[in-house]
Amino acid sequence: MLVHDTVGTTRSQTEIDQIRLSLQARYDELTAEYDQAVLQSQVLRLVEVGDTAGDDQADSGTKTAERDTAQSLLRTILDRRAQYEHALGRLAEGTYGWCEGCSAAIPVERLEIFPSATTCVTCKQTRERRAA
């Protein structure tokens, strides 16, 4: 179990340790994924630099699209990693599992699916509606 079952329930040190290990493991996975994506991006750049002879517009467009995709992947991984880093900080502060918007408990089911969640479903939906 990642968080409390009911509002006001205090987590045991064992639960906190379990949550920390889970969040840290995912953070470490994302770091390794980022490092691998950076290597792939560097290889792609090296291939581009060494293989431009005879390129037509389609080749240039394909290379640009591949480069943009690689950069987008790097940004996505960094964003997800930052979410887990934030979750670890919230755990250390004792605010993990509580909504940043309304201070209500975030449902256990939501945290099991999305461990770095910082808002309850209601606040998340409200934010998404405002952004649309």
Protein backbone atom coordinates (compact mmCIF):
# COMPACT_ATOMS: atom_id res chain seq x y z
CA MET A 1 0.00 0.00 0.00
CA LEU A 2 1.38 3.37 -0.99
CA VAL A 3 -0.59 5.69 1.27
CA HIS A 4 -3.06 5.85 4.11
CA ASP A 5 -6.45 4.12 3.81
CA THR A 6 -8.39 6.88 5.50
CA VAL A 7 -8.02 10.59 5.98
CA GLY A 8 -5.99 11.39 9.06
CA THR A 9 -4.20 8.05 9.21
CA THR A 10 -0.50 8.37 9.92
CA ARG A 11 1.87 6.16 7.96
CA SER A 12 4.25 3.87 9.74
CA GLN A 13 7.98 4.17 9.12
CA THR A 14 7.78 0.86 7.25
CA GLU A 15 5.15 2.29 4.88
CA ILE A 16 7.19 5.45 4.36
CA ASP A 17 10.28 3.39 3.61
CA GLN A 18 8.31 1.23 1.16
CA ILE A 19 6.95 4.31 -0.63
CA ARG A 20 10.41 5.91 -0.72
CA LEU A 21 11.96 2.76 -2.20
CA SER A 22 9.24 2.54 -4.84
CA LEU A 23 9.54 6.22 -5.82
CA GLN A 24 13.34 6.08 -5.81
CA ALA A 25 13.36 2.93 -7.95
CA ARG A 26 11.17 4.62 -10.56
CA TYR A 27 13.33 7.77 -10.41
CA ASP A 28 16.43 5.62 -10.98
CA GLU A 29 14.73 3.83 -13.91
CA LEU A 30 13.90 7.18 -15.50
CA THR A 31 17.48 8.37 -14.98
CA ALA A 32 18.80 5.27 -16.75
CA GLU A 33 16.22 5.75 -19.52
CA TYR A 34 17.30 9.38 -19.89
CA ASP A 35 20.99 8.44 -20.05
CA GLN A 36 20.20 5.86 -22.75
CA ALA A 37 18.12 8.38 -24.74
CA VAL A 38 20.96 10.92 -24.54
CA LEU A 39 23.38 8.34 -25.95
CA GLN A 40 20.96 7.50 -28.77
CA SER A 41 20.52 11.20 -29.51
CA GLN A 42 24.29 11.68 -29.68
CA VAL A 43 24.63 8.74 -32.06
CA LEU A 44 21.86 10.19 -34.21
CA ARG A 45 23.69 13.53 -34.38
CA LEU A 46 26.96 11.82 -35.31
CA VAL A 47 25.24 9.90 -38.10
CA GLU A 48 23.62 13.12 -39.35
CA VAL A 49 26.95 14.96 -39.45
CA GLY A 50 28.72 12.16 -41.27
CA ASP A 51 25.92 11.25 -43.66
CA THR A 52 24.68 14.38 -45.42
CA ALA A 53 26.10 13.83 -48.90
CA GLY A 54 23.36 13.47 -51.46
CA ASP A 55 20.53 14.38 -49.10
CA ASP A 56 17.40 15.70 -50.73
CA GLN A 57 14.57 17.57 -49.02
CA ALA A 58 12.88 14.34 -47.90
CA ASP A 59 16.09 13.09 -46.27
CA SER A 60 16.58 16.41 -44.48
CA GLY A 61 12.96 16.38 -43.34
CA THR A 62 13.26 12.85 -42.01
CA LYS A 63 16.42 13.71 -40.09
CA THR A 64 14.77 16.81 -38.62
CA ALA A 65 11.73 14.79 -37.56
CA GLU A 66 13.95 12.15 -35.94
CA ARG A 67 15.91 14.84 -34.10
CA ASP A 68 12.70 16.52 -32.90
CA THR A 69 11.32 13.17 -31.70
CA ALA A 70 14.53 12.45 -29.79
CA GLN A 71 14.44 15.89 -28.13
CA SER A 72 10.77 15.45 -27.24
CA LEU A 73 11.55 12.10 -25.64
CA LEU A 74 14.34 13.66 -23.57
CA ARG A 75 12.02 16.44 -22.34
CA THR A 76 9.30 13.92 -21.47
CA ILE A 77 11.69 11.74 -19.47
CA LEU A 78 13.09 14.76 -17.63
CA ASP A 79 9.56 15.94 -16.80
CA ARG A 80 8.55 12.52 -15.45
CA ARG A 81 11.77 12.29 -13.46
CA ALA A 82 11.10 15.73 -11.96
CA GLN A 83 7.63 14.53 -10.91
CA TYR A 84 9.17 11.62 -9.00
CA GLU A 85 11.77 13.91 -7.46
CA HIS A 86 8.94 16.18 -6.30
CA ALA A 87 7.07 13.17 -4.88
CA LEU A 88 10.18 12.14 -2.92
CA GLY A 89 10.41 15.67 -1.53
CA ARG A 90 6.74 15.60 -0.53
CA LEU A 91 7.30 12.26 1.19
CA ALA A 92 10.20 13.73 3.17
CA GLU A 93 8.00 16.70 4.16
CA GLY A 94 5.12 14.44 5.17
CA THR A 95 2.75 15.81 2.52
CA TYR A 96 2.87 12.87 0.10
CA GLY A 97 -0.61 11.51 -0.56
CA TRP A 98 -2.37 14.80 0.14
CA CYS A 99 -3.76 17.02 -2.63
CA GLU A 100 -1.80 20.21 -3.28
CA GLY A 101 -5.04 21.87 -4.38
CA CYS A 102 -7.57 21.10 -1.67
CA SER A 103 -5.50 19.24 0.96
CA ALA A 104 -7.77 16.19 0.78
CA ALA A 105 -6.29 12.71 0.75
CA ILE A 106 -5.45 11.48 -2.73
CA PRO A 107 -7.19 8.11 -3.25
CA VAL A 108 -4.93 5.11 -2.82
CA GLU A 109 -6.02 3.78 -6.22
CA ARG A 110 -4.80 6.98 -7.91
CA LEU A 111 -1.42 6.81 -6.19
CA GLU A 112 -1.00 3.14 -7.03
CA ILE A 113 -1.52 3.96 -10.71
CA PHE A 114 0.26 7.33 -10.68
CA PRO A 115 2.60 7.40 -7.65
CA SER A 116 3.83 10.92 -8.37
CA ALA A 117 0.31 12.42 -8.33
CA THR A 118 0.07 15.68 -6.42
CA THR A 119 -3.66 16.31 -6.79
CA CYS A 120 -6.88 14.43 -6.24
CA VAL A 121 -8.99 13.54 -9.27
CA THR A 122 -11.38 16.46 -8.74
CA CYS A 123 -8.59 19.07 -8.62
CA LYS A 124 -6.87 17.46 -11.62
CA GLN A 125 -10.09 17.62 -13.65
CA THR A 126 -10.61 21.27 -12.64
CA ARG A 127 -7.08 22.14 -13.80
CA GLU A 128 -7.58 20.33 -17.10
CA ARG A 129 -10.87 22.14 -17.76
CA ARG A 130 -9.22 25.51 -17.08
CA ALA A 131 -6.39 24.66 -19.45
CA ALA A 132 -8.74 23.72 -22.29
